[in-house]
């Protein structure tokens, strides 16, 4: 597996990461044994950049990831996140970025993960009630204490990123980026490149839509949160299916799967970009890893720009309340 650098502080990760969220929540049924086997297979294939968060489960995804890596932490770049506060019953309790909470959240994550340090610690969402300088200042103290090695932000606005980076170097900015979510190309990518910050792309397969595996809303489990996502609703669903059909045709011509084409396109957007496709099955993981071998030509880029230009997807990324927490 190729290695990519994130930021200017020395963080190096596998060119593809593994998003672990769906192993514990949001995407229907859970199978812990298969999830653990998927993480082990990822490590064997050189996918050593694992992404989790305290809110996933809630709390249980960190426990799962910690259990899976066991004594292999030295082979892993472990990323987790704080700020989305949830109760024991899963209720959402808001966003916090105050210094006291940052310290509490880190200690709780270390305990659940069963490790003595977190490699990359992100603020998951920006707290509008707390100056970013306070939040990143507290995160920087965690670096000094040896509890965290590198700092990241998720879904932060360009000005917030600049202010944060002035307090302590930010190694990675994580937002959604895929063939059907190209918004980062407008302001986010130019900003992080100017500052020397790496970029981590979550939902690089459009929450599974770009795989070509989802044909009807009934293909999603009853408790799958995507059933309520705008891009999976009504007319949007069919419009987006039509876009995916174009990608499927192109993938067939290139001798790869739609997922591999979508990931290869992202990887070709720059050496500073690391997609973290999520999966809870070994077969999907293996398919995704093969995207590393798919080459994207100038003609491919131009064709994709025609098929899926920025703004082509129908519907917003999240429902209205969740959209308000982005780009702050």
C-alpha atoms as a PDB file:
ATOM      1  CA  UNK A   1       0.000   0.000   0.000  1.00  0.00           C
ATOM      2  CA  UNK A   2       1.302   3.427  -0.941  1.00  0.00           C
ATOM      3  CA  UNK A   3       1.927   5.949   1.838  1.00  0.00           C
ATOM      4  CA  UNK A   4       0.744   9.554   1.786  1.00  0.00           C
ATOM      5  CA  UNK A   5       1.737  12.490   3.973  1.00  0.00           C
ATOM      6  CA  UNK A   6      -0.880  14.526   5.800  1.00  0.00           C
ATOM      7  CA  UNK A   7       0.233  17.994   6.830  1.00  0.00           C
ATOM      8  CA  UNK A   8       3.715  19.220   7.675  1.00  0.00           C
ATOM      9  CA  UNK A   9       4.201  17.648  11.108  1.00  0.00           C
ATOM     10  CA  UNK A  10       5.278  14.191   9.938  1.00  0.00           C
ATOM     11  CA  UNK A  11       1.982  12.276   9.813  1.00  0.00           C
ATOM     12  CA  UNK A  12       2.133   9.471   7.242  1.00  0.00           C
ATOM     13  CA  UNK A  13      -0.799   7.164   6.478  1.00  0.00           C
ATOM     14  CA  UNK A  14      -1.845   4.500   3.995  1.00  0.00           C
ATOM     15  CA  UNK A  15      -3.203   6.025   0.765  1.00  0.00           C
ATOM     16  CA  UNK A  16      -6.594   4.513   1.611  1.00  0.00           C
ATOM     17  CA  UNK A  17      -7.993   4.452   5.119  1.00  0.00           C
ATOM     18  CA  UNK A  18     -10.855   2.477   6.629  1.00  0.00           C
ATOM     19  CA  UNK A  19     -13.925   4.221   8.011  1.00  0.00           C
ATOM     20  CA  UNK A  20     -15.263   2.131  10.885  1.00  0.00           C
ATOM     21  CA  UNK A  21     -18.495   4.000  11.732  1.00  0.00           C
ATOM     22  CA  UNK A  22     -20.881   1.632   9.954  1.00  0.00           C
ATOM     23  CA  UNK A  23     -19.605  -1.322  11.954  1.00  0.00           C
ATOM     24  CA  UNK A  24     -21.493  -0.010  14.985  1.00  0.00           C
ATOM     25  CA  UNK A  25     -24.303   2.287  13.865  1.00  0.00           C
ATOM     26  CA  UNK A  26     -26.242   4.066  11.093  1.00  0.00           C
ATOM     27  CA  UNK A  27     -25.984   1.466   8.298  1.00  0.00           C
ATOM     28  CA  UNK A  28     -28.315  -1.309   9.387  1.00  0.00           C
ATOM     29  CA  UNK A  29     -27.320  -4.671  10.857  1.00  0.00           C
ATOM     30  CA  UNK A  30     -24.114  -5.231  12.826  1.00  0.00           C
ATOM     31  CA  UNK A  31     -21.821  -8.235  12.903  1.00  0.00           C
ATOM     32  CA  UNK A  32     -18.956  -7.689  15.328  1.00  0.00           C
ATOM     33  CA  UNK A  33     -17.028 -10.799  14.295  1.00  0.00           C
ATOM     34  CA  UNK A  34     -17.039  -9.779  10.636  1.00  0.00           C
ATOM     35  CA  UNK A  35     -16.184  -6.187  11.595  1.00  0.00           C
ATOM     36  CA  UNK A  36     -13.133  -7.316  13.571  1.00  0.00           C
ATOM     37  CA  UNK A  37     -12.137  -9.641  10.715  1.00  0.00           C
ATOM     38  CA  UNK A  38     -12.455  -6.710   8.294  1.00  0.00           C
ATOM     39  CA  UNK A  39     -10.112  -4.570  10.400  1.00  0.00           C
ATOM     40  CA  UNK A  40      -7.607  -7.424  10.619  1.00  0.00           C
ATOM     41  CA  UNK A  41      -7.790  -7.931   6.857  1.00  0.00           C
ATOM     42  CA  UNK A  42      -7.270  -4.197   6.339  1.00  0.00           C
ATOM     43  CA  UNK A  43      -4.076  -4.278   8.368  1.00  0.00           C
ATOM     44  CA  UNK A  44      -2.869  -7.324   6.437  1.00  0.00           C
ATOM     45  CA  UNK A  45      -3.464  -5.438   3.165  1.00  0.00           C
ATOM     46  CA  UNK A  46      -1.583  -2.382   4.389  1.00  0.00           C
ATOM     47  CA  UNK A  47      -4.668  -0.264   5.136  1.00  0.00           C
ATOM     48  CA  UNK A  48      -3.424   1.006   8.471  1.00  0.00           C
ATOM     49  CA  UNK A  49      -5.301   4.325   8.783  1.00  0.00           C
ATOM     50  CA  UNK A  50      -8.405   3.597  10.895  1.00  0.00           C
ATOM     51  CA  UNK A  51     -11.120   6.185  11.491  1.00  0.00           C
ATOM     52  CA  UNK A  52     -13.580   6.136  14.386  1.00  0.00           C
ATOM     53  CA  UNK A  53     -15.261   8.638  16.750  1.00  0.00           C
ATOM     54  CA  UNK A  54     -16.645   8.697  20.259  1.00  0.00           C
ATOM     55  CA  UNK A  55     -20.169   9.377  18.963  1.00  0.00           C
ATOM     56  CA  UNK A  56     -20.339   6.233  16.814  1.00  0.00           C
ATOM     57  CA  UNK A  57     -22.434   3.630  18.574  1.00  0.00           C
ATOM     58  CA  UNK A  58     -22.429   5.796  20.657  1.00  0.00           C
ATOM     59  CA  UNK A  59     -19.099   4.886  22.274  1.00  0.00           C
ATOM     60  CA  UNK A  60     -19.117   1.248  21.138  1.00  0.00           C
ATOM     61  CA  UNK A  61     -17.225   1.783  17.877  1.00  0.00           C
ATOM     62  CA  UNK A  62     -14.112   2.916  19.733  1.00  0.00           C
ATOM     63  CA  UNK A  63     -14.341  -0.180  21.921  1.00  0.00           C
ATOM     64  CA  UNK A  64     -14.678  -2.373  18.815  1.00  0.00           C
ATOM     65  CA  UNK A  65     -11.722  -0.763  17.057  1.00  0.00           C
ATOM     66  CA  UNK A  66      -9.586  -0.966  20.202  1.00  0.00           C
ATOM     67  CA  UNK A  67     -10.434  -4.644  20.578  1.00  0.00           C
ATOM     68  CA  UNK A  68      -9.647  -5.337  16.927  1.00  0.00           C
ATOM     69  CA  UNK A  69      -6.219  -3.698  16.892  1.00  0.00           C
ATOM     70  CA  UNK A  70      -5.236  -5.230  20.223  1.00  0.00           C
ATOM     71  CA  UNK A  71      -1.477  -5.235  20.465  1.00  0.00           C
ATOM     72  CA  UNK A  72      -1.065  -4.057  16.848  1.00  0.00           C
ATOM     73  CA  UNK A  73      -1.376  -0.339  17.620  1.00  0.00           C
ATOM     74  CA  UNK A  74       2.197   0.155  16.435  1.00  0.00           C
ATOM     75  CA  UNK A  75       0.996  -0.906  12.939  1.00  0.00           C
ATOM     76  CA  UNK A  76      -1.952   1.496  12.971  1.00  0.00           C
ATOM     77  CA  UNK A  77      -2.541   5.211  12.571  1.00  0.00           C
ATOM     78  CA  UNK A  78      -5.574   5.570  14.799  1.00  0.00           C
ATOM     79  CA  UNK A  79      -7.886   8.536  14.291  1.00  0.00           C
ATOM     80  CA  UNK A  80     -10.835   9.418  16.498  1.00  0.00           C
ATOM     81  CA  UNK A  81     -12.960  12.500  17.098  1.00  0.00           C
ATOM     82  CA  UNK A  82     -14.800  14.480  19.773  1.00  0.00           C
ATOM     83  CA  UNK A  83     -17.398  17.274  19.963  1.00  0.00           C
ATOM     84  CA  UNK A  84     -20.693  15.570  19.033  1.00  0.00           C
ATOM     85  CA  UNK A  85     -22.032  14.907  22.525  1.00  0.00           C
ATOM     86  CA  UNK A  86     -24.309  11.909  22.990  1.00  0.00           C
ATOM     87  CA  UNK A  87     -25.928  10.272  25.983  1.00  0.00           C
ATOM     88  CA  UNK A  88     -25.784   6.617  26.963  1.00  0.00           C
ATOM     89  CA  UNK A  89     -29.107   5.969  25.202  1.00  0.00           C
ATOM     90  CA  UNK A  90     -27.905   7.530  21.967  1.00  0.00           C
ATOM     91  CA  UNK A  91     -29.582  10.897  22.397  1.00  0.00           C
ATOM     92  CA  UNK A  92     -27.843  13.907  20.830  1.00  0.00           C
ATOM     93  CA  UNK A  93     -26.864  16.535  23.373  1.00  0.00           C
ATOM     94  CA  UNK A  94     -25.257  19.179  21.221  1.00  0.00           C
ATOM     95  CA  UNK A  95     -21.706  20.142  20.250  1.00  0.00           C
ATOM     96  CA  UNK A  96     -18.942  21.013  22.722  1.00  0.00           C
ATOM     97  CA  UNK A  97     -15.468  22.337  22.125  1.00  0.00           C
ATOM     98  CA  UNK A  98     -14.663  23.914  25.493  1.00  0.00           C
ATOM     99  CA  UNK A  99     -11.298  23.054  27.012  1.00  0.00           C
ATOM    100  CA  UNK A 100     -12.699  21.013  29.881  1.00  0.00           C
ATOM    101  CA  UNK A 101     -14.753  18.864  27.539  1.00  0.00           C
ATOM    102  CA  UNK A 102     -11.802  18.344  25.171  1.00  0.00           C
ATOM    103  CA  UNK A 103      -9.750  16.894  28.050  1.00  0.00           C
ATOM    104  CA  UNK A 104     -12.610  14.718  29.300  1.00  0.00           C
ATOM    105  CA  UNK A 105     -13.419  13.394  25.822  1.00  0.00           C
ATOM    106  CA  UNK A 106      -9.804  12.501  25.102  1.00  0.00           C
ATOM    107  CA  UNK A 107      -9.376  10.569  28.339  1.00  0.00           C
ATOM    108  CA  UNK A 108     -12.638   8.698  27.725  1.00  0.00           C
ATOM    109  CA  UNK A 109     -11.581   7.783  24.165  1.00  0.00           C
ATOM    110  CA  UNK A 110      -8.158   6.568  25.319  1.00  0.00           C
ATOM    111  CA  UNK A 111      -9.870   4.295  27.828  1.00  0.00           C
ATOM    112  CA  UNK A 112     -12.376   2.875  25.353  1.00  0.00           C
ATOM    113  CA  UNK A 113      -9.711   2.328  22.697  1.00  0.00           C
ATOM    114  CA  UNK A 114      -7.361   0.737  25.209  1.00  0.00           C
ATOM    115  CA  UNK A 115      -4.350   2.769  24.015  1.00  0.00           C
ATOM    116  CA  UNK A 116      -1.995   5.272  25.604  1.00  0.00           C
ATOM    117  CA  UNK A 117      -2.163   7.789  22.757  1.00  0.00           C
ATOM    118  CA  UNK A 118      -4.338   8.789  19.807  1.00  0.00           C
ATOM    119  CA  UNK A 119      -2.449   9.314  16.552  1.00  0.00           C
ATOM    120  CA  UNK A 120      -4.851  11.830  14.988  1.00  0.00           C
ATOM    121  CA  UNK A 121      -7.457  13.632  17.104  1.00  0.00           C
ATOM    122  CA  UNK A 122     -10.156  15.602  15.296  1.00  0.00           C
ATOM    123  CA  UNK A 123     -12.729  18.096  16.422  1.00  0.00           C
ATOM    124  CA  UNK A 124     -15.721  16.407  14.767  1.00  0.00           C
ATOM    125  CA  UNK A 125     -17.855  19.535  14.436  1.00  0.00           C
ATOM    126  CA  UNK A 126     -17.073  23.138  15.342  1.00  0.00           C
ATOM    127  CA  UNK A 127     -18.728  24.452  18.507  1.00  0.00           C
ATOM    128  CA  UNK A 128     -20.171  27.888  17.630  1.00  0.00           C
ATOM    129  CA  UNK A 129     -20.242  28.849  21.323  1.00  0.00           C
ATOM    130  CA  UNK A 130     -16.518  28.263  21.926  1.00  0.00           C
ATOM    131  CA  UNK A 131     -13.710  30.166  20.159  1.00  0.00           C
ATOM    132  CA  UNK A 132     -11.709  27.782  18.001  1.00  0.00           C
ATOM    133  CA  UNK A 133      -8.587  29.122  19.712  1.00  0.00           C
ATOM    134  CA  UNK A 134      -9.772  27.663  23.023  1.00  0.00           C
ATOM    135  CA  UNK A 135     -10.590  24.284  21.485  1.00  0.00           C
ATOM    136  CA  UNK A 136      -7.324  23.913  19.575  1.00  0.00           C
ATOM    137  CA  UNK A 137      -5.385  25.293  22.532  1.00  0.00           C
ATOM    138  CA  UNK A 138      -6.767  22.455  24.653  1.00  0.00           C
ATOM    139  CA  UNK A 139      -6.000  19.953  21.890  1.00  0.00           C
ATOM    140  CA  UNK A 140      -2.434  21.268  21.727  1.00  0.00           C
ATOM    141  CA  UNK A 141      -2.086  20.605  25.471  1.00  0.00           C
ATOM    142  CA  UNK A 142      -2.983  16.973  24.760  1.00  0.00           C
ATOM    143  CA  UNK A 143      -0.099  16.821  22.284  1.00  0.00           C
ATOM    144  CA  UNK A 144       2.267  18.220  24.923  1.00  0.00           C
ATOM    145  CA  UNK A 145       0.991  15.620  27.399  1.00  0.00           C
ATOM    146  CA  UNK A 146       1.718  12.794  24.948  1.00  0.00           C
ATOM    147  CA  UNK A 147      -1.940  11.748  24.729  1.00  0.00           C
ATOM    148  CA  UNK A 148      -2.311  12.858  21.101  1.00  0.00           C
ATOM    149  CA  UNK A 149       0.236  13.040  18.268  1.00  0.00           C
ATOM    150  CA  UNK A 150      -1.465  15.075  15.526  1.00  0.00           C
ATOM    151  CA  UNK A 151      -4.478  17.378  15.336  1.00  0.00           C
ATOM    152  CA  UNK A 152      -7.343  17.512  12.852  1.00  0.00           C
ATOM    153  CA  UNK A 153     -10.601  19.317  12.158  1.00  0.00           C
ATOM    154  CA  UNK A 154     -13.761  18.074  10.459  1.00  0.00           C
ATOM    155  CA  UNK A 155     -16.287  20.129   8.476  1.00  0.00           C
ATOM    156  CA  UNK A 156     -14.676  23.435   9.467  1.00  0.00           C
ATOM    157  CA  UNK A 157     -14.937  26.623   7.389  1.00  0.00           C
ATOM    158  CA  UNK A 158     -11.834  28.129   5.727  1.00  0.00           C
ATOM    159  CA  UNK A 159     -11.522  31.011   8.209  1.00  0.00           C
ATOM    160  CA  UNK A 160     -11.891  28.620  11.150  1.00  0.00           C
ATOM    161  CA  UNK A 161      -9.162  26.413   9.690  1.00  0.00           C
ATOM    162  CA  UNK A 162      -6.833  29.421   9.425  1.00  0.00           C
ATOM    163  CA  UNK A 163      -7.482  30.483  13.015  1.00  0.00           C
ATOM    164  CA  UNK A 164      -7.001  26.930  14.288  1.00  0.00           C
ATOM    165  CA  UNK A 165      -3.771  26.431  12.346  1.00  0.00           C
ATOM    166  CA  UNK A 166      -2.371  29.635  13.861  1.00  0.00           C
ATOM    167  CA  UNK A 167      -2.731  28.119  17.371  1.00  0.00           C
ATOM    168  CA  UNK A 168      -1.180  24.720  16.573  1.00  0.00           C
ATOM    169  CA  UNK A 169      -0.383  23.052  13.231  1.00  0.00           C
ATOM    170  CA  UNK A 170      -3.382  21.145  11.884  1.00  0.00           C
ATOM    171  CA  UNK A 171      -2.315  17.975  10.080  1.00  0.00           C
ATOM    172  CA  UNK A 172      -5.616  16.956   8.506  1.00  0.00           C
ATOM    173  CA  UNK A 173      -8.971  18.417   7.553  1.00  0.00           C
ATOM    174  CA  UNK A 174     -11.750  15.878   7.051  1.00  0.00           C
ATOM    175  CA  UNK A 175     -14.900  16.611   5.099  1.00  0.00           C
ATOM    176  CA  UNK A 176     -17.114  14.731   2.697  1.00  0.00           C
ATOM    177  CA  UNK A 177     -15.671  14.509  -0.808  1.00  0.00           C
ATOM    178  CA  UNK A 178     -16.708  12.239  -3.638  1.00  0.00           C
ATOM    179  CA  UNK A 179     -17.903  12.268  -7.211  1.00  0.00           C
ATOM    180  CA  UNK A 180     -21.257  13.531  -6.000  1.00  0.00           C
ATOM    181  CA  UNK A 181     -19.982  15.881  -3.262  1.00  0.00           C
ATOM    182  CA  UNK A 182     -17.413  18.122  -4.915  1.00  0.00           C
ATOM    183  CA  UNK A 183     -17.982  21.217  -2.760  1.00  0.00           C
ATOM    184  CA  UNK A 184     -14.473  21.088  -1.209  1.00  0.00           C
ATOM    185  CA  UNK A 185     -13.001  22.039  -4.578  1.00  0.00           C
ATOM    186  CA  UNK A 186     -14.393  25.569  -4.203  1.00  0.00           C
ATOM    187  CA  UNK A 187     -12.739  26.826  -0.999  1.00  0.00           C
ATOM    188  CA  UNK A 188     -11.675  24.011   1.326  1.00  0.00           C
ATOM    189  CA  UNK A 189      -9.035  22.326  -0.822  1.00  0.00           C
ATOM    190  CA  UNK A 190      -7.395  25.613  -1.884  1.00  0.00           C
ATOM    191  CA  UNK A 191      -7.279  26.692   1.782  1.00  0.00           C
ATOM    192  CA  UNK A 192      -5.723  23.518   3.169  1.00  0.00           C
ATOM    193  CA  UNK A 193      -3.223  23.362   0.317  1.00  0.00           C
ATOM    194  CA  UNK A 194      -2.155  26.929   0.973  1.00  0.00           C
ATOM    195  CA  UNK A 195      -1.613  26.075   4.647  1.00  0.00           C
ATOM    196  CA  UNK A 196       0.074  22.712   4.044  1.00  0.00           C
ATOM    197  CA  UNK A 197      -2.726  20.697   5.668  1.00  0.00           C
ATOM    198  CA  UNK A 198      -3.625  17.198   4.436  1.00  0.00           C
ATOM    199  CA  UNK A 199      -7.151  16.299   3.351  1.00  0.00           C
ATOM    200  CA  UNK A 200      -9.129  13.227   4.433  1.00  0.00           C
ATOM    201  CA  UNK A 201     -12.217  12.426   2.363  1.00  0.00           C
ATOM    202  CA  UNK A 202     -15.078  10.731   4.207  1.00  0.00           C
ATOM    203  CA  UNK A 203     -18.027   9.110   2.413  1.00  0.00           C
ATOM    204  CA  UNK A 204     -15.901   8.822  -0.751  1.00  0.00           C
ATOM    205  CA  UNK A 205     -18.473   6.402  -2.184  1.00  0.00           C
ATOM    206  CA  UNK A 206     -21.428   8.704  -1.593  1.00  0.00           C
ATOM    207  CA  UNK A 207     -22.667   6.712   1.403  1.00  0.00           C
ATOM    208  CA  UNK A 208     -22.703   3.637  -0.781  1.00  0.00           C
ATOM    209  CA  UNK A 209     -24.667   5.159  -3.649  1.00  0.00           C
ATOM    210  CA  UNK A 210     -21.648   5.236  -5.974  1.00  0.00           C
ATOM    211  CA  UNK A 211     -21.118   1.486  -5.565  1.00  0.00           C
ATOM    212  CA  UNK A 212     -24.091   0.743  -7.802  1.00  0.00           C
ATOM    213  CA  UNK A 213     -25.380  -1.689  -5.161  1.00  0.00           C
ATOM    214  CA  UNK A 214     -28.355   0.450  -4.106  1.00  0.00           C
ATOM    215  CA  UNK A 215     -31.166   0.269  -6.665  1.00  0.00           C
ATOM    216  CA  UNK A 216     -34.260   0.837  -4.526  1.00  0.00           C
ATOM    217  CA  UNK A 217     -34.841   2.419  -1.151  1.00  0.00           C
ATOM    218  CA  UNK A 218     -35.933  -1.067  -0.052  1.00  0.00           C
ATOM    219  CA  UNK A 219     -32.318  -2.191  -0.484  1.00  0.00           C
ATOM    220  CA  UNK A 220     -31.601  -0.338   2.763  1.00  0.00           C
ATOM    221  CA  UNK A 221     -32.455  -1.850   6.141  1.00  0.00           C
ATOM    222  CA  UNK A 222     -35.406  -0.384   8.035  1.00  0.00           C
ATOM    223  CA  UNK A 223     -33.083   1.252  10.579  1.00  0.00           C
ATOM    224  CA  UNK A 224     -30.584   2.548   8.005  1.00  0.00           C
ATOM    225  CA  UNK A 225     -30.303   6.318   8.461  1.00  0.00           C
ATOM    226  CA  UNK A 226     -29.902   6.834   4.701  1.00  0.00           C
ATOM    227  CA  UNK A 227     -33.637   6.240   4.302  1.00  0.00           C
ATOM    228  CA  UNK A 228     -34.065   9.764   5.679  1.00  0.00           C
ATOM    229  CA  UNK A 229     -31.150  11.354   3.804  1.00  0.00           C
ATOM    230  CA  UNK A 230     -32.211  13.907   1.142  1.00  0.00           C
ATOM    231  CA  UNK A 231     -30.244  12.297  -1.678  1.00  0.00           C
ATOM    232  CA  UNK A 232     -32.083   9.019  -1.114  1.00  0.00           C
ATOM    233  CA  UNK A 233     -35.536  10.635  -1.156  1.00  0.00           C
ATOM    234  CA  UNK A 234     -38.211  10.617  -3.884  1.00  0.00           C
ATOM    235  CA  UNK A 235     -37.178  12.212  -7.166  1.00  0.00           C
ATOM    236  CA  UNK A 236     -33.649  12.794  -5.895  1.00  0.00           C
ATOM    237  CA  UNK A 237     -33.155   9.054  -5.621  1.00  0.00           C
ATOM    238  CA  UNK A 238     -33.950   8.439  -9.293  1.00  0.00           C
ATOM    239  CA  UNK A 239     -31.939  11.423 -10.519  1.00  0.00           C
ATOM    240  CA  UNK A 240     -28.915  10.210  -8.594  1.00  0.00           C
ATOM    241  CA  UNK A 241     -29.407   6.651  -9.855  1.00  0.00           C
ATOM    242  CA  UNK A 242     -29.201   8.021 -13.399  1.00  0.00           C
ATOM    243  CA  UNK A 243     -25.867   9.670 -12.603  1.00  0.00           C
ATOM    244  CA  UNK A 244     -24.518   6.440 -11.127  1.00  0.00           C
ATOM    245  CA  UNK A 245     -25.540   4.567 -14.288  1.00  0.00           C
ATOM    246  CA  UNK A 246     -23.124   6.789 -16.242  1.00  0.00           C
ATOM    247  CA  UNK A 247     -20.322   5.954 -13.811  1.00  0.00           C
ATOM    248  CA  UNK A 248     -21.160   2.237 -14.083  1.00  0.00           C
ATOM    249  CA  UNK A 249     -20.827   2.420 -17.860  1.00  0.00           C
ATOM    250  CA  UNK A 250     -17.471   4.153 -17.598  1.00  0.00           C
ATOM    251  CA  UNK A 251     -16.234   1.637 -15.006  1.00  0.00           C
ATOM    252  CA  UNK A 252     -17.173  -1.299 -17.237  1.00  0.00           C
ATOM    253  CA  UNK A 253     -15.190   0.246 -20.081  1.00  0.00           C
ATOM    254  CA  UNK A 254     -12.156   0.629 -17.781  1.00  0.00           C
ATOM    255  CA  UNK A 255     -12.476  -2.922 -16.445  1.00  0.00           C
ATOM    256  CA  UNK A 256     -13.132  -1.913 -12.845  1.00  0.00           C
ATOM    257  CA  UNK A 257     -16.102  -1.532 -10.506  1.00  0.00           C
ATOM    258  CA  UNK A 258     -17.918   1.787  -9.917  1.00  0.00           C
ATOM    259  CA  UNK A 259     -16.468   1.892  -6.384  1.00  0.00           C
ATOM    260  CA  UNK A 260     -12.937   1.484  -7.701  1.00  0.00           C
ATOM    261  CA  UNK A 261     -13.467   4.220 -10.275  1.00  0.00           C
ATOM    262  CA  UNK A 262     -14.846   6.602  -7.647  1.00  0.00           C
ATOM    263  CA  UNK A 263     -11.904   5.965  -5.299  1.00  0.00           C
ATOM    264  CA  UNK A 264      -9.301   6.119  -8.061  1.00  0.00           C
ATOM    265  CA  UNK A 265     -10.677   9.492  -9.157  1.00  0.00           C
ATOM    266  CA  UNK A 266     -10.320  10.819  -5.617  1.00  0.00           C
ATOM    267  CA  UNK A 267      -6.788   9.462  -5.254  1.00  0.00           C
ATOM    268  CA  UNK A 268      -5.900  11.175  -8.534  1.00  0.00           C
ATOM    269  CA  UNK A 269      -7.069  14.557  -7.206  1.00  0.00           C
ATOM    270  CA  UNK A 270      -3.783  14.942  -5.346  1.00  0.00           C
ATOM    271  CA  UNK A 271      -1.160  13.181  -3.234  1.00  0.00           C
ATOM    272  CA  UNK A 272      -2.436  15.137  -0.224  1.00  0.00           C
ATOM    273  CA  UNK A 273      -5.870  13.472  -0.360  1.00  0.00           C
ATOM    274  CA  UNK A 274      -6.661  10.262   1.539  1.00  0.00           C
ATOM    275  CA  UNK A 275     -10.123   8.671   1.111  1.00  0.00           C
ATOM    276  CA  UNK A 276     -11.479   6.625   4.013  1.00  0.00           C
ATOM    277  CA  UNK A 277     -14.209   4.402   2.540  1.00  0.00           C
ATOM    278  CA  UNK A 278     -16.227   2.693   5.215  1.00  0.00           C
ATOM    279  CA  UNK A 279     -17.185  -0.949   5.096  1.00  0.00           C
ATOM    280  CA  UNK A 280     -17.985  -3.727   7.524  1.00  0.00           C
ATOM    281  CA  UNK A 281     -17.256  -6.597   5.119  1.00  0.00           C
ATOM    282  CA  UNK A 282     -13.954  -8.051   3.980  1.00  0.00           C
ATOM    283  CA  UNK A 283     -15.100  -8.504   0.378  1.00  0.00           C
ATOM    284  CA  UNK A 284     -15.917  -4.805  -0.009  1.00  0.00           C
ATOM    285  CA  UNK A 285     -12.636  -3.846   1.648  1.00  0.00           C
ATOM    286  CA  UNK A 286     -10.675  -5.970  -0.821  1.00  0.00           C
ATOM    287  CA  UNK A 287     -12.574  -4.435  -3.745  1.00  0.00           C
ATOM    288  CA  UNK A 288     -11.806  -0.933  -2.466  1.00  0.00           C
ATOM    289  CA  UNK A 289      -8.103  -1.636  -2.000  1.00  0.00           C
ATOM    290  CA  UNK A 290      -7.789  -2.644  -5.654  1.00  0.00           C
ATOM    291  CA  UNK A 291      -8.728   0.947  -6.591  1.00  0.00           C
ATOM    292  CA  UNK A 292      -5.086   1.795  -5.931  1.00  0.00           C
ATOM    293  CA  UNK A 293      -4.214   0.075  -9.230  1.00  0.00           C
ATOM    294  CA  UNK A 294      -6.791   1.933 -11.358  1.00  0.00           C
ATOM    295  CA  UNK A 295      -5.255   4.742 -13.421  1.00  0.00           C
ATOM    296  CA  UNK A 296      -7.237   7.891 -14.190  1.00  0.00           C
ATOM    297  CA  UNK A 297      -6.293   9.582 -17.477  1.00  0.00           C
ATOM    298  CA  UNK A 298      -6.873  13.178 -18.544  1.00  0.00           C
ATOM    299  CA  UNK A 299      -9.672  11.879 -20.765  1.00  0.00           C
ATOM    300  CA  UNK A 300     -11.237  10.102 -17.766  1.00  0.00           C
ATOM    301  CA  UNK A 301     -11.155  13.328 -15.761  1.00  0.00           C
ATOM    302  CA  UNK A 302     -12.803  15.286 -18.541  1.00  0.00           C
ATOM    303  CA  UNK A 303     -15.500  12.666 -18.973  1.00  0.00           C
ATOM    304  CA  UNK A 304     -16.223  12.586 -15.245  1.00  0.00           C
ATOM    305  CA  UNK A 305     -16.443  16.378 -15.215  1.00  0.00           C
ATOM    306  CA  UNK A 306     -19.118  16.131 -17.882  1.00  0.00           C
ATOM    307  CA  UNK A 307     -21.031  13.327 -16.149  1.00  0.00           C
ATOM    308  CA  UNK A 308     -20.757  14.582 -12.569  1.00  0.00           C
ATOM    309  CA  UNK A 309     -19.717  18.240 -12.439  1.00  0.00           C
ATOM    310  CA  UNK A 310     -19.798  19.985  -9.038  1.00  0.00           C
ATOM    311  CA  UNK A 311     -23.400  20.300  -7.879  1.00  0.00           C
ATOM    312  CA  UNK A 312     -24.728  17.479 -10.085  1.00  0.00           C
ATOM    313  CA  UNK A 313     -26.160  15.340  -7.257  1.00  0.00           C
ATOM    314  CA  UNK A 314     -29.805  15.954  -6.387  1.00  0.00           C
ATOM    315  CA  UNK A 315     -30.469  16.833  -2.740  1.00  0.00           C
ATOM    316  CA  UNK A 316     -28.308  18.115   0.105  1.00  0.00           C
ATOM    317  CA  UNK A 317     -25.686  15.988   1.878  1.00  0.00           C
ATOM    318  CA  UNK A 318     -27.653  15.906   5.135  1.00  0.00           C
ATOM    319  CA  UNK A 319     -31.086  16.927   6.353  1.00  0.00           C
ATOM    320  CA  UNK A 320     -31.436  20.636   7.237  1.00  0.00           C
ATOM    321  CA  UNK A 321     -30.550  20.415  10.975  1.00  0.00           C
ATOM    322  CA  UNK A 322     -27.295  18.544  10.271  1.00  0.00           C
ATOM    323  CA  UNK A 323     -26.389  20.891   7.418  1.00  0.00           C
ATOM    324  CA  UNK A 324     -26.325  23.780   9.893  1.00  0.00           C
ATOM    325  CA  UNK A 325     -23.392  22.180  11.736  1.00  0.00           C
ATOM    326  CA  UNK A 326     -21.191  22.135   8.612  1.00  0.00           C
ATOM    327  CA  UNK A 327     -18.686  24.727   7.391  1.00  0.00           C
ATOM    328  CA  UNK A 328     -18.529  26.702  10.652  1.00  0.00           C
END
